[in-house]
């Protein structure tokens, strides 16, 4: 059974969270399921579902690598939790 991870990212004031979310989705591995759940002024909340065979320990590293790309400069991971719905 695949595990869903809840991801919270934040950026600088004035940065568009919708654009950051789309860029992040485009950077993650193709077989991941991703749903944009919510955007606020400087944050985005997404649900990530990697394939079952993907190691749980590597989920955070994969997200961090995506956030380190030039297109997502200034965006950081504020939280990542398995099986916990967003607040």
PDB file of N, CA and C in Angstrom:
ATOM      1  N   UNK A   1       0.839  -1.180   0.000  1.00  0.00           N
ATOM      2  CA  UNK A   1       0.000   0.000   0.000  1.00  0.00           C
ATOM      3  C   UNK A   1       0.879   1.236   0.000  1.00  0.00           C
ATOM      4  N   UNK A   2       0.563   2.211  -0.818  1.00  0.00           N
ATOM      5  CA  UNK A   2       1.334   3.447  -0.909  1.00  0.00           C
ATOM      6  C   UNK A   2       1.027   4.347   0.289  1.00  0.00           C
ATOM      7  N   UNK A   3       2.036   5.080   0.703  1.00  0.00           N
ATOM      8  CA  UNK A   3       1.884   6.026   1.807  1.00  0.00           C
ATOM      9  C   UNK A   3       1.759   7.435   1.253  1.00  0.00           C
ATOM     10  N   UNK A   4       0.840   8.211   1.793  1.00  0.00           N
ATOM     11  CA  UNK A   4       0.709   9.621   1.418  1.00  0.00           C
ATOM     12  C   UNK A   4       1.455  10.468   2.432  1.00  0.00           C
ATOM     13  N   UNK A   5       2.217  11.419   1.932  1.00  0.00           N
ATOM     14  CA  UNK A   5       2.974  12.355   2.756  1.00  0.00           C
ATOM     15  C   UNK A   5       2.392  13.742   2.553  1.00  0.00           C
ATOM     16  N   UNK A   6       2.271  14.480   3.640  1.00  0.00           N
ATOM     17  CA  UNK A   6       1.772  15.848   3.582  1.00  0.00           C
ATOM     18  C   UNK A   6       2.985  16.757   3.619  1.00  0.00           C
ATOM     19  N   UNK A   7       3.072  17.641   2.645  1.00  0.00           N
ATOM     20  CA  UNK A   7       4.219  18.533   2.493  1.00  0.00           C
ATOM     21  C   UNK A   7       3.774  19.977   2.600  1.00  0.00           C
ATOM     22  N   UNK A   8       4.499  20.745   3.395  1.00  0.00           N
ATOM     23  CA  UNK A   8       4.278  22.180   3.515  1.00  0.00           C
ATOM     24  C   UNK A   8       5.545  22.879   3.056  1.00  0.00           C
ATOM     25  N   UNK A   9       5.407  23.822   2.102  1.00  0.00           N
ATOM     26  CA  UNK A   9       6.551  24.621   1.663  1.00  0.00           C
ATOM     27  C   UNK A   9       6.216  26.096   1.854  1.00  0.00           C
ATOM     28  N   UNK A  10       7.253  26.904   2.050  1.00  0.00           N
ATOM     29  CA  UNK A  10       7.023  28.343   2.178  1.00  0.00           C
ATOM     30  C   UNK A  10       8.107  29.095   1.428  1.00  0.00           C
ATOM     31  N   UNK A  11       7.745  30.297   1.009  1.00  0.00           N
ATOM     32  CA  UNK A  11       8.664  31.142   0.249  1.00  0.00           C
ATOM     33  C   UNK A  11       8.641  32.560   0.773  1.00  0.00           C
ATOM     34  N   UNK A  12       9.404  33.402   0.124  1.00  0.00           N
ATOM     35  CA  UNK A  12       9.519  34.801   0.520  1.00  0.00           C
ATOM     36  C   UNK A  12       8.210  35.551   0.270  1.00  0.00           C
ATOM     37  N   UNK A  13       8.040  36.648   0.959  1.00  0.00           N
ATOM     38  CA  UNK A  13       6.856  37.484   0.770  1.00  0.00           C
ATOM     39  C   UNK A  13       6.749  37.877  -0.697  1.00  0.00           C
ATOM     40  N   UNK A  14       5.559  37.762  -1.225  1.00  0.00           N
ATOM     41  CA  UNK A  14       5.324  38.129  -2.607  1.00  0.00           C
ATOM     42  C   UNK A  14       5.545  37.000  -3.603  1.00  0.00           C
ATOM     43  N   UNK A  15       6.121  35.896  -3.149  1.00  0.00           N
ATOM     44  CA  UNK A  15       6.333  34.755  -4.047  1.00  0.00           C
ATOM     45  C   UNK A  15       5.005  34.029  -4.255  1.00  0.00           C
ATOM     46  N   UNK A  16       4.752  33.609  -5.467  1.00  0.00           N
ATOM     47  CA  UNK A  16       3.477  32.959  -5.785  1.00  0.00           C
ATOM     48  C   UNK A  16       3.527  31.471  -5.434  1.00  0.00           C
ATOM     49  N   UNK A  17       2.761  31.030  -4.423  1.00  0.00           N
ATOM     50  CA  UNK A  17       2.805  29.623  -4.037  1.00  0.00           C
ATOM     51  C   UNK A  17       2.254  28.694  -5.110  1.00  0.00           C
ATOM     52  N   UNK A  18       1.306  29.160  -5.905  1.00  0.00           N
ATOM     53  CA  UNK A  18       0.761  28.320  -6.969  1.00  0.00           C
ATOM     54  C   UNK A  18       1.840  27.986  -8.002  1.00  0.00           C
ATOM     55  N   UNK A  19       2.639  28.986  -8.356  1.00  0.00           N
ATOM     56  CA  UNK A  19       3.729  28.769  -9.313  1.00  0.00           C
ATOM     57  C   UNK A  19       4.768  27.831  -8.732  1.00  0.00           C
ATOM     58  N   UNK A  20       5.109  28.029  -7.467  1.00  0.00           N
ATOM     59  CA  UNK A  20       6.092  27.152  -6.819  1.00  0.00           C
ATOM     60  C   UNK A  20       5.587  25.716  -6.774  1.00  0.00           C
ATOM     61  N   UNK A  21       4.308  25.534  -6.485  1.00  0.00           N
ATOM     62  CA  UNK A  21       3.743  24.189  -6.422  1.00  0.00           C
ATOM     63  C   UNK A  21       3.826  23.498  -7.781  1.00  0.00           C
ATOM     64  N   UNK A  22       3.494  24.211  -8.850  1.00  0.00           N
ATOM     65  CA  UNK A  22       3.559  23.627 -10.189  1.00  0.00           C
ATOM     66  C   UNK A  22       5.001  23.275 -10.537  1.00  0.00           C
ATOM     67  N   UNK A  23       5.933  24.152 -10.205  1.00  0.00           N
ATOM     68  CA  UNK A  23       7.347  23.869 -10.475  1.00  0.00           C
ATOM     69  C   UNK A  23       7.836  22.668  -9.669  1.00  0.00           C
ATOM     70  N   UNK A  24       7.404  22.571  -8.425  1.00  0.00           N
ATOM     71  CA  UNK A  24       7.790  21.434  -7.596  1.00  0.00           C
ATOM     72  C   UNK A  24       7.227  20.131  -8.178  1.00  0.00           C
ATOM     73  N   UNK A  25       5.970  20.145  -8.547  1.00  0.00           N
ATOM     74  CA  UNK A  25       5.339  18.955  -9.127  1.00  0.00           C
ATOM     75  C   UNK A  25       6.093  18.517 -10.378  1.00  0.00           C
ATOM     76  N   UNK A  26       6.490  19.470 -11.206  1.00  0.00           N
ATOM     77  CA  UNK A  26       7.205  19.145 -12.444  1.00  0.00           C
ATOM     78  C   UNK A  26       8.596  18.576 -12.179  1.00  0.00           C
ATOM     79  N   UNK A  27       9.152  18.864 -11.018  1.00  0.00           N
ATOM     80  CA  UNK A  27      10.509  18.429 -10.690  1.00  0.00           C
ATOM     81  C   UNK A  27      10.530  17.074  -9.989  1.00  0.00           C
ATOM     82  N   UNK A  28       9.444  16.683  -9.362  1.00  0.00           N
ATOM     83  CA  UNK A  28       9.397  15.399  -8.650  1.00  0.00           C
ATOM     84  C   UNK A  28       9.360  14.233  -9.642  1.00  0.00           C
ATOM     85  N   UNK A  29       9.733  13.036  -9.204  1.00  0.00           N
ATOM     86  CA  UNK A  29       9.709  11.874 -10.103  1.00  0.00           C
ATOM     87  C   UNK A  29       8.337  11.667 -10.744  1.00  0.00           C
ATOM     88  N   UNK A  30       8.356  11.217 -11.983  1.00  0.00           N
ATOM     89  CA  UNK A  30       7.135  11.108 -12.789  1.00  0.00           C
ATOM     90  C   UNK A  30       6.089  10.152 -12.208  1.00  0.00           C
ATOM     91  N   UNK A  31       6.496   9.131 -11.492  1.00  0.00           N
ATOM     92  CA  UNK A  31       5.533   8.148 -10.983  1.00  0.00           C
ATOM     93  C   UNK A  31       4.896   8.533  -9.658  1.00  0.00           C
ATOM     94  N   UNK A  32       5.253   9.692  -9.120  1.00  0.00           N
ATOM     95  CA  UNK A  32       4.664  10.137  -7.861  1.00  0.00           C
ATOM     96  C   UNK A  32       3.286  10.724  -8.129  1.00  0.00           C
ATOM     97  N   UNK A  33       2.349  10.423  -7.240  1.00  0.00           N
ATOM     98  CA  UNK A  33       1.069  11.105  -7.260  1.00  0.00           C
ATOM     99  C   UNK A  33       1.207  12.374  -6.426  1.00  0.00           C
ATOM    100  N   UNK A  34       0.743  13.487  -6.957  1.00  0.00           N
ATOM    101  CA  UNK A  34       0.854  14.766  -6.239  1.00  0.00           C
ATOM    102  C   UNK A  34      -0.449  15.527  -6.397  1.00  0.00           C
ATOM    103  N   UNK A  35      -0.944  16.047  -5.282  1.00  0.00           N
ATOM    104  CA  UNK A  35      -2.147  16.874  -5.297  1.00  0.00           C
ATOM    105  C   UNK A  35      -1.863  18.170  -4.551  1.00  0.00           C
ATOM    106  N   UNK A  36      -2.140  19.281  -5.185  1.00  0.00           N
ATOM    107  CA  UNK A  36      -2.043  20.579  -4.519  1.00  0.00           C
ATOM    108  C   UNK A  36      -3.305  20.753  -3.690  1.00  0.00           C
ATOM    109  N   UNK A  37      -3.135  20.900  -2.381  1.00  0.00           N
ATOM    110  CA  UNK A  37      -4.284  20.970  -1.478  1.00  0.00           C
ATOM    111  C   UNK A  37      -4.693  22.391  -1.133  1.00  0.00           C
ATOM    112  N   UNK A  38      -3.683  23.263  -0.938  1.00  0.00           N
ATOM    113  CA  UNK A  38      -4.016  24.603  -0.464  1.00  0.00           C
ATOM    114  C   UNK A  38      -2.833  25.533  -0.680  1.00  0.00           C
ATOM    115  N   UNK A  39      -3.150  26.783  -0.991  1.00  0.00           N
ATOM    116  CA  UNK A  39      -2.140  27.833  -1.062  1.00  0.00           C
ATOM    117  C   UNK A  39      -2.606  29.002  -0.206  1.00  0.00           C
ATOM    118  N   UNK A  40      -1.667  29.585   0.509  1.00  0.00           N
ATOM    119  CA  UNK A  40      -1.926  30.822   1.248  1.00  0.00           C
ATOM    120  C   UNK A  40      -0.952  31.863   0.711  1.00  0.00           C
ATOM    121  N   UNK A  41      -0.833  32.971   1.385  1.00  0.00           N
ATOM    122  CA  UNK A  41      -0.004  34.061   0.887  1.00  0.00           C
ATOM    123  C   UNK A  41       1.408  33.612   0.505  1.00  0.00           C
ATOM    124  N   UNK A  42       2.090  32.861   1.367  1.00  0.00           N
ATOM    125  CA  UNK A  42       3.474  32.454   1.107  1.00  0.00           C
ATOM    126  C   UNK A  42       3.700  30.962   1.276  1.00  0.00           C
ATOM    127  N   UNK A  43       2.638  30.162   1.292  1.00  0.00           N
ATOM    128  CA  UNK A  43       2.809  28.726   1.533  1.00  0.00           C
ATOM    129  C   UNK A  43       1.976  27.905   0.560  1.00  0.00           C
ATOM    130  N   UNK A  44       2.388  26.651   0.408  1.00  0.00           N
ATOM    131  CA  UNK A  44       1.603  25.679  -0.355  1.00  0.00           C
ATOM    132  C   UNK A  44       1.615  24.367   0.426  1.00  0.00           C
ATOM    133  N   UNK A  45       0.503  23.675   0.396  1.00  0.00           N
ATOM    134  CA  UNK A  45       0.370  22.368   1.024  1.00  0.00           C
ATOM    135  C   UNK A  45       0.037  21.368  -0.073  1.00  0.00           C
ATOM    136  N   UNK A  46       0.817  20.286  -0.113  1.00  0.00           N
ATOM    137  CA  UNK A  46       0.625  19.263  -1.133  1.00  0.00           C
ATOM    138  C   UNK A  46       0.557  17.888  -0.491  1.00  0.00           C
ATOM    139  N   UNK A  47      -0.129  16.968  -1.151  1.00  0.00           N
ATOM    140  CA  UNK A  47      -0.128  15.562  -0.759  1.00  0.00           C
ATOM    141  C   UNK A  47       0.720  14.817  -1.785  1.00  0.00           C
ATOM    142  N   UNK A  48       1.719  14.091  -1.309  1.00  0.00           N
ATOM    143  CA  UNK A  48       2.631  13.345  -2.175  1.00  0.00           C
ATOM    144  C   UNK A  48       2.427  11.856  -1.942  1.00  0.00           C
ATOM    145  N   UNK A  49       2.336  11.094  -3.009  1.00  0.00           N
ATOM    146  CA  UNK A  49       2.212   9.638  -2.894  1.00  0.00           C
ATOM    147  C   UNK A  49       3.236   8.994  -3.828  1.00  0.00           C
ATOM    148  N   UNK A  50       4.435   8.700  -3.276  1.00  0.00           N
ATOM    149  CA  UNK A  50       5.427   7.999  -4.089  1.00  0.00           C
ATOM    150  C   UNK A  50       5.003   6.545  -4.302  1.00  0.00           C
ATOM    151  N   UNK A  51       5.580   5.894  -5.310  1.00  0.00           N
ATOM    152  CA  UNK A  51       5.272   4.471  -5.511  1.00  0.00           C
ATOM    153  C   UNK A  51       5.617   3.658  -4.261  1.00  0.00           C
ATOM    154  N   UNK A  52       4.949   2.557  -4.096  1.00  0.00           N
ATOM    155  CA  UNK A  52       5.134   1.724  -2.901  1.00  0.00           C
ATOM    156  C   UNK A  52       6.590   1.313  -2.703  1.00  0.00           C
ATOM    157  N   UNK A  53       7.311   1.070  -3.774  1.00  0.00           N
ATOM    158  CA  UNK A  53       8.703   0.600  -3.681  1.00  0.00           C
ATOM    159  C   UNK A  53       9.681   1.722  -3.328  1.00  0.00           C
ATOM    160  N   UNK A  54       9.232   2.968  -3.323  1.00  0.00           N
ATOM    161  CA  UNK A  54      10.131   4.086  -3.032  1.00  0.00           C
ATOM    162  C   UNK A  54      10.449   4.090  -1.541  1.00  0.00           C
ATOM    163  N   UNK A  55      11.746   4.173  -1.172  1.00  0.00           N
ATOM    164  CA  UNK A  55      12.108   4.133   0.247  1.00  0.00           C
ATOM    165  C   UNK A  55      11.594   5.363   1.010  1.00  0.00           C
ATOM    166  N   UNK A  56      10.929   5.131   2.114  1.00  0.00           N
ATOM    167  CA  UNK A  56      10.376   6.230   2.920  1.00  0.00           C
ATOM    168  C   UNK A  56      11.452   7.216   3.345  1.00  0.00           C
ATOM    169  N   UNK A  57      12.641   6.714   3.644  1.00  0.00           N
ATOM    170  CA  UNK A  57      13.732   7.583   4.095  1.00  0.00           C
ATOM    171  C   UNK A  57      14.200   8.546   3.007  1.00  0.00           C
ATOM    172  N   UNK A  58      13.892   8.257   1.758  1.00  0.00           N
ATOM    173  CA  UNK A  58      14.360   9.096   0.652  1.00  0.00           C
ATOM    174  C   UNK A  58      13.347  10.160   0.220  1.00  0.00           C
ATOM    175  N   UNK A  59      12.159  10.138   0.787  1.00  0.00           N
ATOM    176  CA  UNK A  59      11.130  11.101   0.377  1.00  0.00           C
ATOM    177  C   UNK A  59      11.591  12.530   0.670  1.00  0.00           C
ATOM    178  N   UNK A  60      12.039  12.790   1.873  1.00  0.00           N
ATOM    179  CA  UNK A  60      12.500  14.133   2.229  1.00  0.00           C
ATOM    180  C   UNK A  60      13.676  14.583   1.381  1.00  0.00           C
ATOM    181  N   UNK A  61      14.617  13.685   1.115  1.00  0.00           N
ATOM    182  CA  UNK A  61      15.772  14.028   0.275  1.00  0.00           C
ATOM    183  C   UNK A  61      15.331  14.379  -1.139  1.00  0.00           C
ATOM    184  N   UNK A  62      14.344  13.663  -1.655  1.00  0.00           N
ATOM    185  CA  UNK A  62      13.843  13.929  -3.007  1.00  0.00           C
ATOM    186  C   UNK A  62      13.170  15.289  -3.071  1.00  0.00           C
ATOM    187  N   UNK A  63      12.375  15.604  -2.055  1.00  0.00           N
ATOM    188  CA  UNK A  63      11.719  16.919  -1.998  1.00  0.00           C
ATOM    189  C   UNK A  63      12.771  18.019  -1.869  1.00  0.00           C
ATOM    190  N   UNK A  64      13.752  17.815  -1.004  1.00  0.00           N
ATOM    191  CA  UNK A  64      14.796  18.832  -0.823  1.00  0.00           C
ATOM    192  C   UNK A  64      15.592  19.055  -2.101  1.00  0.00           C
ATOM    193  N   UNK A  65      15.870  17.989  -2.842  1.00  0.00           N
ATOM    194  CA  UNK A  65      16.590  18.130  -4.112  1.00  0.00           C
ATOM    195  C   UNK A  65      15.763  18.938  -5.115  1.00  0.00           C
ATOM    196  N   UNK A  66      14.458  18.708  -5.138  1.00  0.00           N
ATOM    197  CA  UNK A  66      13.592  19.481  -6.029  1.00  0.00           C
ATOM    198  C   UNK A  66      13.567  20.947  -5.623  1.00  0.00           C
ATOM    199  N   UNK A  67      13.501  21.207  -4.321  1.00  0.00           N
ATOM    200  CA  UNK A  67      13.476  22.591  -3.844  1.00  0.00           C
ATOM    201  C   UNK A  67      14.814  23.309  -4.050  1.00  0.00           C
ATOM    202  N   UNK A  68      15.877  22.558  -4.263  1.00  0.00           N
ATOM    203  CA  UNK A  68      17.203  23.150  -4.481  1.00  0.00           C
ATOM    204  C   UNK A  68      17.428  23.575  -5.931  1.00  0.00           C
ATOM    205  N   UNK A  69      16.486  23.282  -6.820  1.00  0.00           N
ATOM    206  CA  UNK A  69      16.648  23.682  -8.214  1.00  0.00           C
ATOM    207  C   UNK A  69      16.481  25.195  -8.340  1.00  0.00           C
ATOM    208  N   UNK A  70      17.118  25.801  -9.350  1.00  0.00           N
ATOM    209  CA  UNK A  70      17.025  27.266  -9.503  1.00  0.00           C
ATOM    210  C   UNK A  70      15.593  27.785  -9.609  1.00  0.00           C
ATOM    211  N   UNK A  71      14.696  27.025 -10.213  1.00  0.00           N
ATOM    212  CA  UNK A  71      13.307  27.480 -10.371  1.00  0.00           C
ATOM    213  C   UNK A  71      12.576  27.625  -9.037  1.00  0.00           C
ATOM    214  N   UNK A  72      13.092  26.968  -7.986  1.00  0.00           N
ATOM    215  CA  UNK A  72      12.436  27.025  -6.669  1.00  0.00           C
ATOM    216  C   UNK A  72      13.310  27.719  -5.625  1.00  0.00           C
ATOM    217  N   UNK A  73      14.244  28.516  -6.087  1.00  0.00           N
ATOM    218  CA  UNK A  73      15.116  29.252  -5.160  1.00  0.00           C
ATOM    219  C   UNK A  73      14.259  30.092  -4.212  1.00  0.00           C
ATOM    220  N   UNK A  74      14.554  30.002  -2.934  1.00  0.00           N
ATOM    221  CA  UNK A  74      13.822  30.765  -1.928  1.00  0.00           C
ATOM    222  C   UNK A  74      12.688  29.984  -1.273  1.00  0.00           C
ATOM    223  N   UNK A  75      12.340  28.828  -1.824  1.00  0.00           N
ATOM    224  CA  UNK A  75      11.302  27.990  -1.242  1.00  0.00           C
ATOM    225  C   UNK A  75      11.940  26.920  -0.373  1.00  0.00           C
ATOM    226  N   UNK A  76      11.342  26.671   0.784  1.00  0.00           N
ATOM    227  CA  UNK A  76      11.889  25.694   1.729  1.00  0.00           C
ATOM    228  C   UNK A  76      10.786  24.765   2.226  1.00  0.00           C
ATOM    229  N   UNK A  77      11.223  23.584   2.623  1.00  0.00           N
ATOM    230  CA  UNK A  77      10.298  22.610   3.210  1.00  0.00           C
ATOM    231  C   UNK A  77      10.078  23.008   4.665  1.00  0.00           C
ATOM    232  N   UNK A  78       8.830  23.236   5.014  1.00  0.00           N
ATOM    233  CA  UNK A  78       8.486  23.590   6.400  1.00  0.00           C
ATOM    234  C   UNK A  78       7.979  22.387   7.171  1.00  0.00           C
ATOM    235  N   UNK A  79       7.552  21.358   6.473  1.00  0.00           N
ATOM    236  CA  UNK A  79       7.065  20.165   7.145  1.00  0.00           C
ATOM    237  C   UNK A  79       6.828  19.055   6.152  1.00  0.00           C
ATOM    238  N   UNK A  80       7.027  17.829   6.617  1.00  0.00           N
ATOM    239  CA  UNK A  80       6.759  16.640   5.819  1.00  0.00           C
ATOM    240  C   UNK A  80       6.357  15.546   6.797  1.00  0.00           C
ATOM    241  N   UNK A  81       5.157  15.035   6.629  1.00  0.00           N
ATOM    242  CA  UNK A  81       4.664  14.016   7.572  1.00  0.00           C
ATOM    243  C   UNK A  81       3.917  12.937   6.819  1.00  0.00           C
ATOM    244  N   UNK A  82       4.151  11.698   7.189  1.00  0.00           N
ATOM    245  CA  UNK A  82       3.463  10.570   6.571  1.00  0.00           C
ATOM    246  C   UNK A  82       2.129  10.322   7.260  1.00  0.00           C
ATOM    247  N   UNK A  83       1.082  10.237   6.464  1.00  0.00           N
ATOM    248  CA  UNK A  83      -0.217   9.856   6.974  1.00  0.00           C
ATOM    249  C   UNK A  83      -0.898  10.850   7.884  1.00  0.00           C
ATOM    250  N   UNK A  84      -0.386  12.060   7.962  1.00  0.00           N
ATOM    251  CA  UNK A  84      -0.983  13.090   8.832  1.00  0.00           C
ATOM    252  C   UNK A  84      -1.645  14.123   7.952  1.00  0.00           C
ATOM    253  N   UNK A  85      -2.958  14.306   8.070  1.00  0.00           N
ATOM    254  CA  UNK A  85      -3.609  15.316   7.231  1.00  0.00           C
ATOM    255  C   UNK A  85      -3.160  16.717   7.616  1.00  0.00           C
ATOM    256  N   UNK A  86      -3.197  17.636   6.655  1.00  0.00           N
ATOM    257  CA  UNK A  86      -2.761  19.002   6.930  1.00  0.00           C
ATOM    258  C   UNK A  86      -3.642  19.683   7.954  1.00  0.00           C
ATOM    259  N   UNK A  87      -3.072  20.617   8.706  1.00  0.00           N
ATOM    260  CA  UNK A  87      -3.873  21.341   9.724  1.00  0.00           C
ATOM    261  C   UNK A  87      -4.878  22.263   9.092  1.00  0.00           C
TER     262      UNK A  87
END
